[in-house]
Amino acid sequence: MQDNQDMFLQMAMLKDLDPYSSRHSLNVTVLATLLGSKLGLSQDELLVIGVGAMLHDVGKLEVPPAVLLKPGKLTAEEFAIIKRHPQAGYERLDGVVSEAVRRVARDHHERCNGSGYPKGLNREELSLAARCVAIADVYDAVTTDRCYRPRYLPHEGMELLMVESTMGNLDLELVRVFLQAIASYPVGTTVRLTTGEIARVIAQEPEVPMRPVVKVLQPRRRAGEIIRLLTNPSILIVEAEP
């Protein structure tokens, strides 16, 4: 990082302008760095992910506040303005951080199948850091309440990541590692299902960690029934019981 003071100034300015984006950036930093750690990346690689995640939305400083802070759904014209923030962030960070970090800011809305923005890059053109931050960005965004929509529950956010990765938007292998990191249901964990049943985890599905094998505890009339959530897509874990 060429200029720590300037970097922190960018973060402070974003916090003053849009507290949500500041909190979101912190959350994305934690999640993306967790993913990088699970991948066994080096300290230098984790630094790029962490700093890139923290600064990924500084381009929003170039968005008119009336658009950025609008308490409702954006028009097509307003969304087009919002979509400029990745490139704006890349330009704002010139001389402040490394090129690798700048590219995280520029590329966090790119998608592996080339459907993202601002440049329509594909997986081979995206850095590992940018692909990690993209996953964390989507997950935190959808699991946070906004004025124009309620938040997704954690299991809904995880399901969305799987859908996005199977569609080719997000890196499938990275999503699997991410879900293994955040959707840990150890054997013996008591969970509540979308059916209202209380069950206990009796086995795990390593490739799809949010869908373990469970044994129903309640209601009593179904106690002892074994459910493999992987083959019952309509049944999800709502939460783990304390």
Protein backbone atom coordinates (compact mmCIF):
# COMPACT_ATOMS: atom_id res chain seq x y z
CA MET A 1 0.00 0.00 0.00
CA GLN A 2 1.54 3.23 -1.14
CA ASP A 3 -0.30 5.63 1.17
CA ASN A 4 -2.01 4.30 4.28
CA GLN A 5 -3.26 7.75 5.28
CA ASP A 6 -5.04 8.25 1.97
CA MET A 7 -6.51 4.76 2.16
CA PHE A 8 -7.99 5.39 5.61
CA LEU A 9 -9.27 8.76 4.44
CA GLN A 10 -11.21 7.04 1.65
CA MET A 11 -12.76 4.67 4.19
CA ALA A 12 -13.68 7.52 6.55
CA MET A 13 -15.29 9.49 3.74
CA LEU A 14 -17.41 6.48 2.76
CA LYS A 15 -18.51 6.00 6.37
CA ASP A 16 -19.60 9.64 6.59
CA LEU A 17 -21.47 9.48 3.29
CA ASP A 18 -23.11 6.06 3.59
CA PRO A 19 -22.86 4.15 6.89
CA TYR A 20 -24.44 1.08 5.27
CA SER A 21 -21.69 0.81 2.66
CA SER A 22 -19.07 1.22 5.37
CA ARG A 23 -20.54 -1.61 7.48
CA HIS A 24 -20.99 -3.72 4.37
CA SER A 25 -17.33 -3.24 3.44
CA LEU A 26 -16.24 -4.40 6.89
CA ASN A 27 -18.48 -7.48 6.68
CA VAL A 28 -17.20 -8.31 3.21
CA THR A 29 -13.62 -7.98 4.47
CA VAL A 30 -14.24 -10.54 7.21
CA LEU A 31 -16.05 -12.98 4.91
CA ALA A 32 -13.65 -12.71 1.98
CA THR A 33 -10.60 -13.06 4.23
CA LEU A 34 -12.18 -16.12 5.84
CA LEU A 35 -12.60 -17.63 2.39
CA GLY A 36 -9.00 -16.84 1.51
CA SER A 37 -7.82 -18.46 4.73
CA LYS A 38 -9.80 -21.61 3.96
CA LEU A 39 -8.10 -21.68 0.56
CA GLY A 40 -4.71 -21.67 2.28
CA LEU A 41 -3.55 -18.44 0.66
CA SER A 42 -0.36 -16.66 1.66
CA GLN A 43 -0.29 -13.57 3.88
CA ASP A 44 0.39 -11.38 0.86
CA GLU A 45 -2.59 -12.84 -0.99
CA LEU A 46 -4.81 -12.40 2.07
CA LEU A 47 -3.68 -8.79 2.33
CA VAL A 48 -4.83 -8.11 -1.23
CA ILE A 49 -8.20 -9.71 -0.49
CA GLY A 50 -8.62 -7.89 2.82
CA VAL A 51 -7.64 -4.43 1.61
CA GLY A 52 -9.50 -4.92 -1.66
CA ALA A 53 -12.65 -5.93 0.22
CA MET A 54 -12.41 -2.98 2.59
CA LEU A 55 -12.06 -0.55 -0.32
CA HIS A 56 -14.24 -2.29 -2.88
CA ASP A 57 -17.04 0.28 -2.66
CA VAL A 58 -15.07 3.54 -2.41
CA GLY A 59 -16.21 4.35 -5.93
CA LYS A 60 -19.60 5.11 -4.40
CA LEU A 61 -18.05 8.39 -3.29
CA GLU A 62 -18.44 9.44 -6.94
CA VAL A 63 -22.16 8.60 -6.99
CA PRO A 64 -24.56 11.51 -6.34
CA PRO A 65 -25.97 11.13 -2.80
CA ALA A 66 -29.52 11.48 -4.13
CA VAL A 67 -28.97 8.26 -6.09
CA LEU A 68 -26.76 6.38 -3.64
CA LEU A 69 -29.00 7.03 -0.64
CA LYS A 70 -32.35 6.84 -2.39
CA PRO A 71 -34.84 5.10 -0.04
CA GLY A 72 -36.46 2.96 -2.69
CA LYS A 73 -36.00 1.09 -5.93
CA LEU A 74 -33.70 2.74 -8.46
CA THR A 75 -34.80 3.67 -11.94
CA ALA A 76 -32.89 2.23 -14.90
CA GLU A 77 -31.06 5.54 -15.27
CA GLU A 78 -30.13 5.63 -11.60
CA PHE A 79 -28.91 2.04 -11.66
CA ALA A 80 -26.72 2.89 -14.65
CA ILE A 81 -25.11 5.59 -12.49
CA ILE A 82 -24.59 3.14 -9.61
CA LYS A 83 -22.92 0.69 -12.00
CA ARG A 84 -20.14 3.20 -12.58
CA HIS A 85 -18.83 2.86 -9.03
CA PRO A 86 -16.42 -0.07 -9.64
CA GLN A 87 -14.51 1.82 -12.33
CA ALA A 88 -14.69 4.99 -10.25
CA GLY A 89 -13.18 3.12 -7.31
CA TYR A 90 -10.37 1.80 -9.49
CA GLU A 91 -9.55 5.34 -10.56
CA ARG A 92 -9.80 6.83 -7.04
CA LEU A 93 -7.31 4.28 -5.74
CA ASP A 94 -4.64 5.11 -8.31
CA GLY A 95 -1.44 5.78 -6.38
CA VAL A 96 -3.08 4.74 -3.10
CA VAL A 97 -2.91 0.94 -3.23
CA SER A 98 -1.42 -1.75 -5.45
CA GLU A 99 -2.78 -2.58 -8.88
CA ALA A 100 -3.99 -5.93 -7.52
CA VAL A 101 -6.11 -4.17 -4.89
CA ARG A 102 -7.41 -1.64 -7.42
CA ARG A 103 -8.60 -4.50 -9.61
CA VAL A 104 -10.61 -5.95 -6.73
CA ALA A 105 -12.47 -2.63 -6.50
CA ARG A 106 -12.98 -2.58 -10.26
CA ASP A 107 -13.95 -6.23 -10.71
CA HIS A 108 -16.13 -7.14 -7.71
CA HIS A 109 -19.30 -6.90 -9.84
CA GLU A 110 -17.83 -8.89 -12.72
CA ARG A 111 -19.15 -12.42 -13.18
CA CYS A 112 -17.39 -15.61 -14.22
CA ASN A 113 -19.63 -16.03 -17.28
CA GLY A 114 -18.93 -12.50 -18.51
CA SER A 115 -22.34 -11.11 -17.55
CA GLY A 116 -21.07 -8.60 -14.98
CA TYR A 117 -19.85 -5.02 -15.13
CA PRO A 118 -18.09 -2.68 -15.84
CA LYS A 119 -16.06 -4.59 -18.46
CA GLY A 120 -17.85 -7.92 -18.89
CA LEU A 121 -14.77 -9.93 -17.91
CA ASN A 122 -14.90 -13.72 -17.59
CA ARG A 123 -13.41 -16.06 -15.01
CA GLU A 124 -10.03 -16.36 -16.71
CA GLU A 125 -9.69 -12.57 -16.71
CA LEU A 126 -10.57 -12.15 -13.03
CA SER A 127 -8.14 -12.42 -10.15
CA LEU A 128 -8.72 -14.91 -7.37
CA ALA A 129 -9.06 -11.98 -4.97
CA ALA A 130 -11.82 -10.39 -7.05
CA ARG A 131 -13.70 -13.69 -7.27
CA CYS A 132 -13.49 -14.16 -3.49
CA VAL A 133 -14.71 -10.62 -2.78
CA ALA A 134 -17.58 -11.02 -5.27
CA ILE A 135 -18.92 -13.99 -3.30
CA ALA A 136 -18.64 -12.22 0.05
CA ASP A 137 -20.20 -9.09 -1.44
CA VAL A 138 -23.27 -10.93 -2.71
CA TYR A 139 -23.78 -12.89 0.50
CA ASP A 140 -23.55 -9.90 2.82
CA ALA A 141 -25.68 -7.71 0.55
CA VAL A 142 -28.61 -10.11 0.42
CA THR A 143 -28.49 -11.06 4.12
CA THR A 144 -28.68 -7.41 5.23
CA ASP A 145 -31.93 -5.46 5.62
CA ARG A 146 -32.38 -2.61 3.16
CA CYS A 147 -35.08 0.03 3.02
CA TYR A 148 -36.45 -1.46 -0.20
CA ARG A 149 -36.41 -5.16 0.80
CA PRO A 150 -36.09 -7.38 3.88
CA ARG A 151 -32.92 -9.39 4.35
CA TYR A 152 -32.58 -13.00 3.31
CA LEU A 153 -32.16 -15.46 6.15
CA PRO A 154 -28.68 -17.06 6.18
CA HIS A 155 -29.90 -20.31 4.61
CA GLU A 156 -31.61 -18.32 1.85
CA GLY A 157 -28.41 -16.41 1.19
CA MET A 158 -26.48 -19.67 0.95
CA GLU A 159 -29.03 -21.11 -1.45
CA LEU A 160 -28.74 -17.99 -3.59
CA LEU A 161 -24.97 -18.42 -3.81
CA MET A 162 -25.44 -21.98 -5.04
CA VAL A 163 -27.92 -20.81 -7.67
CA GLU A 164 -25.60 -18.01 -8.78
CA SER A 165 -22.66 -20.38 -9.04
CA THR A 166 -24.56 -23.04 -10.98
CA MET A 167 -25.65 -20.29 -13.40
CA GLY A 168 -21.99 -19.43 -13.92
CA ASN A 169 -22.12 -16.03 -12.25
CA LEU A 170 -19.93 -16.90 -9.26
CA ASP A 171 -16.99 -19.29 -9.03
CA LEU A 172 -18.54 -22.65 -8.11
CA GLU A 173 -15.48 -24.11 -6.41
CA LEU A 174 -14.97 -20.97 -4.34
CA VAL A 175 -18.64 -20.91 -3.36
CA ARG A 176 -18.36 -24.48 -2.10
CA VAL A 177 -15.37 -23.57 0.07
CA PHE A 178 -17.16 -20.44 1.30
CA LEU A 179 -20.23 -22.42 2.30
CA GLN A 180 -18.09 -24.99 4.09
CA ALA A 181 -16.60 -22.10 6.06
CA ILE A 182 -19.86 -20.38 7.07
CA ALA A 183 -22.42 -23.23 7.04
CA SER A 184 -20.92 -25.49 9.65
CA TYR A 185 -23.42 -27.91 11.16
CA PRO A 186 -21.30 -30.39 13.14
CA VAL A 187 -22.72 -33.80 13.91
CA GLY A 188 -24.87 -33.43 17.02
CA THR A 189 -26.08 -29.91 16.19
CA THR A 190 -29.80 -29.35 16.80
CA VAL A 191 -31.47 -27.46 13.95
CA ARG A 192 -34.88 -26.09 13.03
CA LEU A 193 -36.16 -26.87 9.54
CA THR A 194 -38.43 -24.89 7.25
CA THR A 195 -41.08 -27.55 7.92
CA GLY A 196 -41.10 -26.49 11.58
CA GLU A 197 -39.49 -29.73 12.71
CA ILE A 198 -36.61 -29.88 15.16
CA ALA A 199 -33.87 -32.29 14.13
CA ARG A 200 -30.32 -33.31 14.98
CA VAL A 201 -27.47 -33.48 12.47
CA ILE A 202 -26.23 -37.07 12.22
CA ALA A 203 -23.99 -36.85 9.14
CA GLN A 204 -22.56 -34.22 6.82
CA GLU A 205 -22.44 -33.78 3.06
CA PRO A 206 -18.90 -32.42 2.51
CA GLU A 207 -19.65 -30.96 -0.92
CA VAL A 208 -22.88 -29.24 0.17
CA PRO A 209 -22.39 -28.36 3.86
CA MET A 210 -25.69 -26.53 4.31
CA ARG A 211 -27.56 -29.77 3.54
CA PRO A 212 -26.53 -32.39 6.11
CA VAL A 213 -28.37 -35.58 7.02
CA VAL A 214 -30.67 -35.03 10.00
CA LYS A 215 -32.77 -37.10 12.37
CA VAL A 216 -36.14 -35.66 13.41
CA LEU A 217 -36.62 -35.05 17.14
CA GLN A 218 -39.94 -33.18 17.12
CA PRO A 219 -42.83 -33.51 16.56
CA ARG A 220 -42.90 -36.81 18.38
CA ARG A 221 -45.01 -38.52 15.72
CA ARG A 222 -42.09 -38.16 13.29
CA ALA A 223 -39.28 -38.66 15.80
CA GLY A 224 -36.53 -40.87 14.47
CA GLU A 225 -37.20 -40.15 10.80
CA ILE A 226 -34.01 -39.64 8.78
CA ILE A 227 -33.97 -36.83 6.22
CA ARG A 228 -31.18 -36.35 3.71
CA LEU A 229 -31.55 -32.66 2.95
CA LEU A 230 -29.45 -32.97 -0.20
CA THR A 231 -32.20 -35.02 -1.84
CA ASN A 232 -35.04 -32.97 -0.33
CA PRO A 233 -34.47 -29.52 -1.87
CA SER A 234 -37.69 -28.06 -0.45
CA ILE A 235 -36.51 -28.61 3.15
CA LEU A 236 -33.92 -26.19 4.48
CA ILE A 237 -32.25 -25.43 7.79
CA VAL A 238 -33.62 -22.17 9.17
CA GLU A 239 -31.29 -21.93 12.14
CA ALA A 240 -29.15 -23.91 14.53
CA GLU A 241 -30.64 -24.12 17.99
CA PRO A 242 -28.49 -22.68 20.81
